[in-house]
Amino acid sequence: MSLDAKLSSLESELFEGRKSIALFVLKEQHYYVVDDKSNYCIDVRPDYLSYIETGRLKQEDYEKALGLFRGGISVLGAHNFYQYIDSAEAEVISFTMMRDFFFKGLTLESAKSFYKDVERFLSYGGEMDLRKWNFLRMKLPSFYVNFDRGIYRHTDYGRLHEELALPKTLWDARCSSDFGLLIPDDVQYWIVDRMNFFKLYGG
């Protein structure tokens, strides 16, 4: 598959909600992963136990269901993260490819023009091309999982992914885009020519 075809396929998967982007941090290394957002939970067991309580899953099928989830990784941690990203479901994307993906279809001049519109809108309100805004924002990471510091963030508003970041004594978990402040500039593919498009989470 050519690079253009790969980037177009990724756009479709994100736009249709079949995949989401996560940034994982482990041993001071950053990994951009594209996968089904359900696979970004830390511990899926509480969800499956709730399925038993509501009758959606039989008790005798519980262990089998856990074995089928995320390649058998029901609890994701630093000890099995590499096993997870080696699975058929998860795809690790390089920084260079993510940058090409984010700015696909944009020239530097068009990016500058849109960025000015973004800053103007955030400061003063008014008219805005919300279609372009939302299209670019979906290309930002919507999950951040930092195993080094025990930080879990997501921007999947309306979903309580943070409730599955267990045990709670080990995780600072919430629904928030504040993780942009935790990411080194040199791994932020949404920065170009001093323009930081993470501001798209501000609107």
C-alpha atoms as a PDB file:
ATOM      1  CA  MET A   1       0.000   0.000   0.000  1.00  0.00           C
ATOM      2  CA  SER A   2       1.370   3.421  -0.965  1.00  0.00           C
ATOM      3  CA  LEU A   3       1.852   6.141   1.639  1.00  0.00           C
ATOM      4  CA  ASP A   4      -1.015   8.205   0.211  1.00  0.00           C
ATOM      5  CA  ALA A   5      -3.325   5.196   0.308  1.00  0.00           C
ATOM      6  CA  LYS A   6      -2.227   4.416   3.861  1.00  0.00           C
ATOM      7  CA  LEU A   7      -2.905   7.977   5.032  1.00  0.00           C
ATOM      8  CA  SER A   8      -6.290   8.029   3.296  1.00  0.00           C
ATOM      9  CA  SER A   9      -7.223   4.720   4.915  1.00  0.00           C
ATOM     10  CA  LEU A  10      -6.251   6.082   8.324  1.00  0.00           C
ATOM     11  CA  GLU A  11      -8.374   9.186   7.732  1.00  0.00           C
ATOM     12  CA  SER A  12     -11.379   7.016   6.924  1.00  0.00           C
ATOM     13  CA  GLU A  13     -10.913   4.832  10.001  1.00  0.00           C
ATOM     14  CA  LEU A  14     -10.755   7.869  12.284  1.00  0.00           C
ATOM     15  CA  PHE A  15     -13.606   9.708  10.579  1.00  0.00           C
ATOM     16  CA  GLU A  16     -15.879   6.668  10.800  1.00  0.00           C
ATOM     17  CA  GLY A  17     -14.956   6.135  14.449  1.00  0.00           C
ATOM     18  CA  ARG A  18     -13.452   2.703  13.886  1.00  0.00           C
ATOM     19  CA  LYS A  19     -10.045   3.747  15.205  1.00  0.00           C
ATOM     20  CA  SER A  20      -8.534   6.363  17.537  1.00  0.00           C
ATOM     21  CA  ILE A  21      -5.015   7.660  18.132  1.00  0.00           C
ATOM     22  CA  ALA A  22      -3.266   7.116  21.452  1.00  0.00           C
ATOM     23  CA  LEU A  23       0.113   8.259  22.712  1.00  0.00           C
ATOM     24  CA  PHE A  24       1.803   5.821  25.082  1.00  0.00           C
ATOM     25  CA  VAL A  25       4.861   6.642  27.177  1.00  0.00           C
ATOM     26  CA  LEU A  26       7.101   3.878  28.500  1.00  0.00           C
ATOM     27  CA  LYS A  27      10.734   4.047  29.618  1.00  0.00           C
ATOM     28  CA  GLU A  28      10.988   7.632  28.322  1.00  0.00           C
ATOM     29  CA  GLN A  29       9.927   6.563  24.825  1.00  0.00           C
ATOM     30  CA  HIS A  30       6.797   7.770  23.020  1.00  0.00           C
ATOM     31  CA  TYR A  31       4.624   5.501  20.878  1.00  0.00           C
ATOM     32  CA  TYR A  32       1.797   6.667  18.631  1.00  0.00           C
ATOM     33  CA  VAL A  33      -0.691   3.836  18.303  1.00  0.00           C
ATOM     34  CA  VAL A  34      -3.792   3.508  16.133  1.00  0.00           C
ATOM     35  CA  ASP A  35      -6.369   1.019  17.362  1.00  0.00           C
ATOM     36  CA  ASP A  36      -9.975   0.577  18.445  1.00  0.00           C
ATOM     37  CA  LYS A  37     -10.437   2.913  21.418  1.00  0.00           C
ATOM     38  CA  SER A  38     -11.799   0.085  23.561  1.00  0.00           C
ATOM     39  CA  ASN A  39      -8.288  -1.374  23.547  1.00  0.00           C
ATOM     40  CA  TYR A  40      -6.889   1.689  25.298  1.00  0.00           C
ATOM     41  CA  CYS A  41      -8.436   0.758  28.636  1.00  0.00           C
ATOM     42  CA  ILE A  42      -6.128  -0.389  31.424  1.00  0.00           C
ATOM     43  CA  ASP A  43      -8.328  -3.070  33.000  1.00  0.00           C
ATOM     44  CA  VAL A  44     -11.333  -4.398  31.091  1.00  0.00           C
ATOM     45  CA  ARG A  45     -12.451  -6.823  33.809  1.00  0.00           C
ATOM     46  CA  PRO A  46     -14.915  -4.446  35.550  1.00  0.00           C
ATOM     47  CA  ASP A  47     -16.704  -3.919  32.242  1.00  0.00           C
ATOM     48  CA  TYR A  48     -17.074  -7.641  31.648  1.00  0.00           C
ATOM     49  CA  LEU A  49     -18.255  -8.220  35.226  1.00  0.00           C
ATOM     50  CA  SER A  50     -20.930  -5.580  34.652  1.00  0.00           C
ATOM     51  CA  TYR A  51     -21.987  -7.489  31.526  1.00  0.00           C
ATOM     52  CA  ILE A  52     -22.585 -10.538  33.722  1.00  0.00           C
ATOM     53  CA  GLU A  53     -24.657  -8.481  36.167  1.00  0.00           C
ATOM     54  CA  THR A  54     -26.848  -7.140  33.363  1.00  0.00           C
ATOM     55  CA  GLY A  55     -27.183 -10.506  31.653  1.00  0.00           C
ATOM     56  CA  ARG A  56     -25.175  -9.581  28.563  1.00  0.00           C
ATOM     57  CA  LEU A  57     -22.521 -12.185  29.387  1.00  0.00           C
ATOM     58  CA  LYS A  58     -22.811 -15.567  31.074  1.00  0.00           C
ATOM     59  CA  GLN A  59     -20.588 -16.288  34.067  1.00  0.00           C
ATOM     60  CA  GLU A  60     -19.169 -19.381  32.375  1.00  0.00           C
ATOM     61  CA  ASP A  61     -18.108 -17.289  29.363  1.00  0.00           C
ATOM     62  CA  TYR A  62     -16.248 -14.655  31.411  1.00  0.00           C
ATOM     63  CA  GLU A  63     -12.747 -16.154  31.189  1.00  0.00           C
ATOM     64  CA  LYS A  64     -13.185 -16.932  27.506  1.00  0.00           C
ATOM     65  CA  ALA A  65     -14.224 -13.328  26.821  1.00  0.00           C
ATOM     66  CA  LEU A  66     -11.162 -12.019  28.658  1.00  0.00           C
ATOM     67  CA  GLY A  67      -8.966 -14.326  26.605  1.00  0.00           C
ATOM     68  CA  LEU A  68     -10.383 -12.931  23.383  1.00  0.00           C
ATOM     69  CA  PHE A  69     -10.052  -9.278  24.369  1.00  0.00           C
ATOM     70  CA  ARG A  70      -6.965  -7.430  23.135  1.00  0.00           C
ATOM     71  CA  GLY A  71      -5.121 -10.621  22.312  1.00  0.00           C
ATOM     72  CA  GLY A  72      -5.639 -11.973  25.808  1.00  0.00           C
ATOM     73  CA  ILE A  73      -4.333  -8.851  27.579  1.00  0.00           C
ATOM     74  CA  SER A  74      -7.184  -8.021  29.936  1.00  0.00           C
ATOM     75  CA  VAL A  75      -4.967  -5.755  32.072  1.00  0.00           C
ATOM     76  CA  LEU A  76      -2.559  -3.515  30.166  1.00  0.00           C
ATOM     77  CA  GLY A  77       0.638  -2.440  31.890  1.00  0.00           C
ATOM     78  CA  ALA A  78       4.303  -1.685  31.397  1.00  0.00           C
ATOM     79  CA  HIS A  79       5.051  -5.408  31.653  1.00  0.00           C
ATOM     80  CA  ASN A  80       2.975  -6.376  28.602  1.00  0.00           C
ATOM     81  CA  PHE A  81       2.797  -3.169  26.555  1.00  0.00           C
ATOM     82  CA  TYR A  82       5.265  -4.454  23.952  1.00  0.00           C
ATOM     83  CA  GLN A  83       3.199  -7.607  23.583  1.00  0.00           C
ATOM     84  CA  TYR A  84       0.162  -5.414  22.943  1.00  0.00           C
ATOM     85  CA  ILE A  85       1.788  -3.283  20.230  1.00  0.00           C
ATOM     86  CA  ASP A  86       3.085  -6.420  18.536  1.00  0.00           C
ATOM     87  CA  SER A  87      -0.482  -7.687  18.195  1.00  0.00           C
ATOM     88  CA  ALA A  88      -2.426  -7.683  14.963  1.00  0.00           C
ATOM     89  CA  GLU A  89      -4.880  -5.072  16.259  1.00  0.00           C
ATOM     90  CA  ALA A  90      -2.523  -2.281  17.320  1.00  0.00           C
ATOM     91  CA  GLU A  91      -0.464  -0.327  14.822  1.00  0.00           C
ATOM     92  CA  VAL A  92       2.475   1.839  15.857  1.00  0.00           C
ATOM     93  CA  ILE A  93       2.901   4.861  13.582  1.00  0.00           C
ATOM     94  CA  SER A  94       6.152   6.800  13.313  1.00  0.00           C
ATOM     95  CA  PHE A  95       6.399  10.500  14.139  1.00  0.00           C
ATOM     96  CA  THR A  96       7.215  11.306  10.506  1.00  0.00           C
ATOM     97  CA  MET A  97       4.186   9.464   9.197  1.00  0.00           C
ATOM     98  CA  MET A  98       1.938  11.066  11.815  1.00  0.00           C
ATOM     99  CA  ARG A  99       3.181  14.504  10.781  1.00  0.00           C
ATOM    100  CA  ASP A 100       2.527  13.711   7.113  1.00  0.00           C
ATOM    101  CA  PHE A 101      -0.906  12.444   8.098  1.00  0.00           C
ATOM    102  CA  PHE A 102      -1.826  15.518  10.127  1.00  0.00           C
ATOM    103  CA  PHE A 103      -0.840  18.013   7.434  1.00  0.00           C
ATOM    104  CA  LYS A 104      -2.104  15.920   4.505  1.00  0.00           C
ATOM    105  CA  GLY A 105      -3.734  18.271   1.986  1.00  0.00           C
ATOM    106  CA  LEU A 106      -2.348  21.417   3.634  1.00  0.00           C
ATOM    107  CA  THR A 107       0.401  23.696   2.402  1.00  0.00           C
ATOM    108  CA  LEU A 108       2.387  25.768   4.872  1.00  0.00           C
ATOM    109  CA  GLU A 109       0.531  28.866   3.734  1.00  0.00           C
ATOM    110  CA  SER A 110      -2.908  27.293   4.107  1.00  0.00           C
ATOM    111  CA  ALA A 111      -1.913  25.967   7.535  1.00  0.00           C
ATOM    112  CA  LYS A 112      -0.811  29.461   8.584  1.00  0.00           C
ATOM    113  CA  SER A 113      -4.055  30.978   7.345  1.00  0.00           C
ATOM    114  CA  PHE A 114      -6.181  28.425   9.177  1.00  0.00           C
ATOM    115  CA  TYR A 115      -4.101  28.771  12.339  1.00  0.00           C
ATOM    116  CA  LYS A 116      -4.774  32.512  12.371  1.00  0.00           C
ATOM    117  CA  ASP A 117      -8.483  31.743  12.076  1.00  0.00           C
ATOM    118  CA  VAL A 118      -8.209  29.302  14.988  1.00  0.00           C
ATOM    119  CA  GLU A 119      -6.486  31.840  17.237  1.00  0.00           C
ATOM    120  CA  ARG A 120      -8.951  34.552  16.282  1.00  0.00           C
ATOM    121  CA  PHE A 121     -11.909  32.281  17.017  1.00  0.00           C
ATOM    122  CA  LEU A 122     -10.513  31.152  20.379  1.00  0.00           C
ATOM    123  CA  SER A 123      -9.875  34.748  21.418  1.00  0.00           C
ATOM    124  CA  TYR A 124     -12.884  36.555  20.005  1.00  0.00           C
ATOM    125  CA  GLY A 125     -15.435  34.022  18.729  1.00  0.00           C
ATOM    126  CA  GLY A 126     -17.286  34.634  15.475  1.00  0.00           C
ATOM    127  CA  GLU A 127     -17.452  32.541  12.323  1.00  0.00           C
ATOM    128  CA  MET A 128     -15.300  29.433  11.917  1.00  0.00           C
ATOM    129  CA  ASP A 129     -14.903  26.571   9.462  1.00  0.00           C
ATOM    130  CA  LEU A 130     -15.953  23.927  11.983  1.00  0.00           C
ATOM    131  CA  ARG A 131     -15.739  21.121   9.436  1.00  0.00           C
ATOM    132  CA  LYS A 132     -12.026  21.752   8.911  1.00  0.00           C
ATOM    133  CA  TRP A 133     -11.582  22.297  12.659  1.00  0.00           C
ATOM    134  CA  ASN A 134     -13.150  18.960  13.569  1.00  0.00           C
ATOM    135  CA  PHE A 135     -11.406  17.147  10.725  1.00  0.00           C
ATOM    136  CA  LEU A 136      -7.986  18.241  11.971  1.00  0.00           C
ATOM    137  CA  ARG A 137      -8.845  17.712  15.630  1.00  0.00           C
ATOM    138  CA  MET A 138      -9.714  14.075  14.995  1.00  0.00           C
ATOM    139  CA  LYS A 139      -6.089  13.629  13.877  1.00  0.00           C
ATOM    140  CA  LEU A 140      -4.831  14.564  17.339  1.00  0.00           C
ATOM    141  CA  PRO A 141      -4.305  11.892  19.995  1.00  0.00           C
ATOM    142  CA  SER A 142      -7.490  11.269  21.944  1.00  0.00           C
ATOM    143  CA  PHE A 143      -5.811   9.011  24.505  1.00  0.00           C
ATOM    144  CA  TYR A 144      -2.635   9.492  26.536  1.00  0.00           C
ATOM    145  CA  VAL A 145      -1.259   6.646  28.648  1.00  0.00           C
ATOM    146  CA  ASN A 146       1.950   7.327  30.541  1.00  0.00           C
ATOM    147  CA  PHE A 147       3.228   4.192  32.260  1.00  0.00           C
ATOM    148  CA  ASP A 148       6.272   6.019  33.641  1.00  0.00           C
ATOM    149  CA  ARG A 149       4.165   8.458  35.686  1.00  0.00           C
ATOM    150  CA  GLY A 150       0.838   6.666  35.980  1.00  0.00           C
ATOM    151  CA  ILE A 151      -1.119   9.273  34.015  1.00  0.00           C
ATOM    152  CA  TYR A 152      -4.177   8.383  31.935  1.00  0.00           C
ATOM    153  CA  ARG A 153      -6.072  10.946  29.877  1.00  0.00           C
ATOM    154  CA  HIS A 154      -8.680  10.813  27.149  1.00  0.00           C
ATOM    155  CA  THR A 155     -10.884  13.222  25.220  1.00  0.00           C
ATOM    156  CA  ASP A 156     -13.659  10.756  24.423  1.00  0.00           C
ATOM    157  CA  TYR A 157     -16.216  12.929  26.168  1.00  0.00           C
ATOM    158  CA  GLY A 158     -19.272  11.073  27.396  1.00  0.00           C
ATOM    159  CA  ARG A 159     -17.318   7.853  28.006  1.00  0.00           C
ATOM    160  CA  LEU A 160     -15.817   6.958  31.384  1.00  0.00           C
ATOM    161  CA  HIS A 161     -12.582   5.319  30.240  1.00  0.00           C
ATOM    162  CA  GLU A 162     -10.885   6.691  33.359  1.00  0.00           C
ATOM    163  CA  GLU A 163     -12.977   4.317  35.484  1.00  0.00           C
ATOM    164  CA  LEU A 164     -11.012   1.401  34.016  1.00  0.00           C
ATOM    165  CA  ALA A 165      -7.610   2.886  34.921  1.00  0.00           C
ATOM    166  CA  LEU A 166      -7.075   0.558  37.862  1.00  0.00           C
ATOM    167  CA  PRO A 167      -5.934   0.365  40.553  1.00  0.00           C
ATOM    168  CA  LYS A 168      -6.852   3.976  41.216  1.00  0.00           C
ATOM    169  CA  THR A 169      -3.949   4.318  43.669  1.00  0.00           C
ATOM    170  CA  LEU A 170      -1.531   3.939  40.746  1.00  0.00           C
ATOM    171  CA  TRP A 171      -3.261   6.120  38.162  1.00  0.00           C
ATOM    172  CA  ASP A 172      -4.087   9.801  37.833  1.00  0.00           C
ATOM    173  CA  ALA A 173      -6.917   9.340  35.350  1.00  0.00           C
ATOM    174  CA  ARG A 174      -9.464  11.764  33.944  1.00  0.00           C
ATOM    175  CA  CYS A 175     -11.180  13.027  30.815  1.00  0.00           C
ATOM    176  CA  SER A 176      -9.075  16.036  29.811  1.00  0.00           C
ATOM    177  CA  SER A 177      -6.889  17.400  27.022  1.00  0.00           C
ATOM    178  CA  ASP A 178      -4.345  18.752  29.512  1.00  0.00           C
ATOM    179  CA  PHE A 179      -1.901  16.014  28.489  1.00  0.00           C
ATOM    180  CA  GLY A 180      -0.727  18.256  25.663  1.00  0.00           C
ATOM    181  CA  LEU A 181       1.362  20.056  28.275  1.00  0.00           C
ATOM    182  CA  LEU A 182       3.157  16.811  29.149  1.00  0.00           C
ATOM    183  CA  ILE A 183       4.433  15.984  25.664  1.00  0.00           C
ATOM    184  CA  PRO A 184       7.911  17.143  24.543  1.00  0.00           C
ATOM    185  CA  ASP A 185       7.774  19.535  21.602  1.00  0.00           C
ATOM    186  CA  ASP A 186       9.973  17.317  19.452  1.00  0.00           C
ATOM    187  CA  VAL A 187       7.421  14.490  19.424  1.00  0.00           C
ATOM    188  CA  GLN A 188       4.361  16.665  18.787  1.00  0.00           C
ATOM    189  CA  TYR A 189       3.573  16.023  15.119  1.00  0.00           C
ATOM    190  CA  TRP A 190       0.904  18.757  15.169  1.00  0.00           C
ATOM    191  CA  ILE A 191       3.505  21.517  15.610  1.00  0.00           C
ATOM    192  CA  VAL A 192       4.857  23.172  12.472  1.00  0.00           C
ATOM    193  CA  ASP A 193       6.601  26.507  12.040  1.00  0.00           C
ATOM    194  CA  ARG A 194       5.898  27.346  15.726  1.00  0.00           C
ATOM    195  CA  MET A 195       2.168  26.727  15.246  1.00  0.00           C
ATOM    196  CA  ASN A 196       0.760  24.315  17.821  1.00  0.00           C
ATOM    197  CA  PHE A 197      -2.470  22.819  16.524  1.00  0.00           C
ATOM    198  CA  PHE A 198      -3.222  21.216  19.875  1.00  0.00           C
ATOM    199  CA  LYS A 199      -5.153  24.457  20.364  1.00  0.00           C
ATOM    200  CA  LEU A 200      -7.908  22.737  18.397  1.00  0.00           C
ATOM    201  CA  TYR A 201      -8.867  21.098  21.689  1.00  0.00           C
ATOM    202  CA  GLY A 202      -9.659  24.578  22.984  1.00  0.00           C
ATOM    203  CA  GLY A 203     -12.822  24.974  20.952  1.00  0.00           C
END
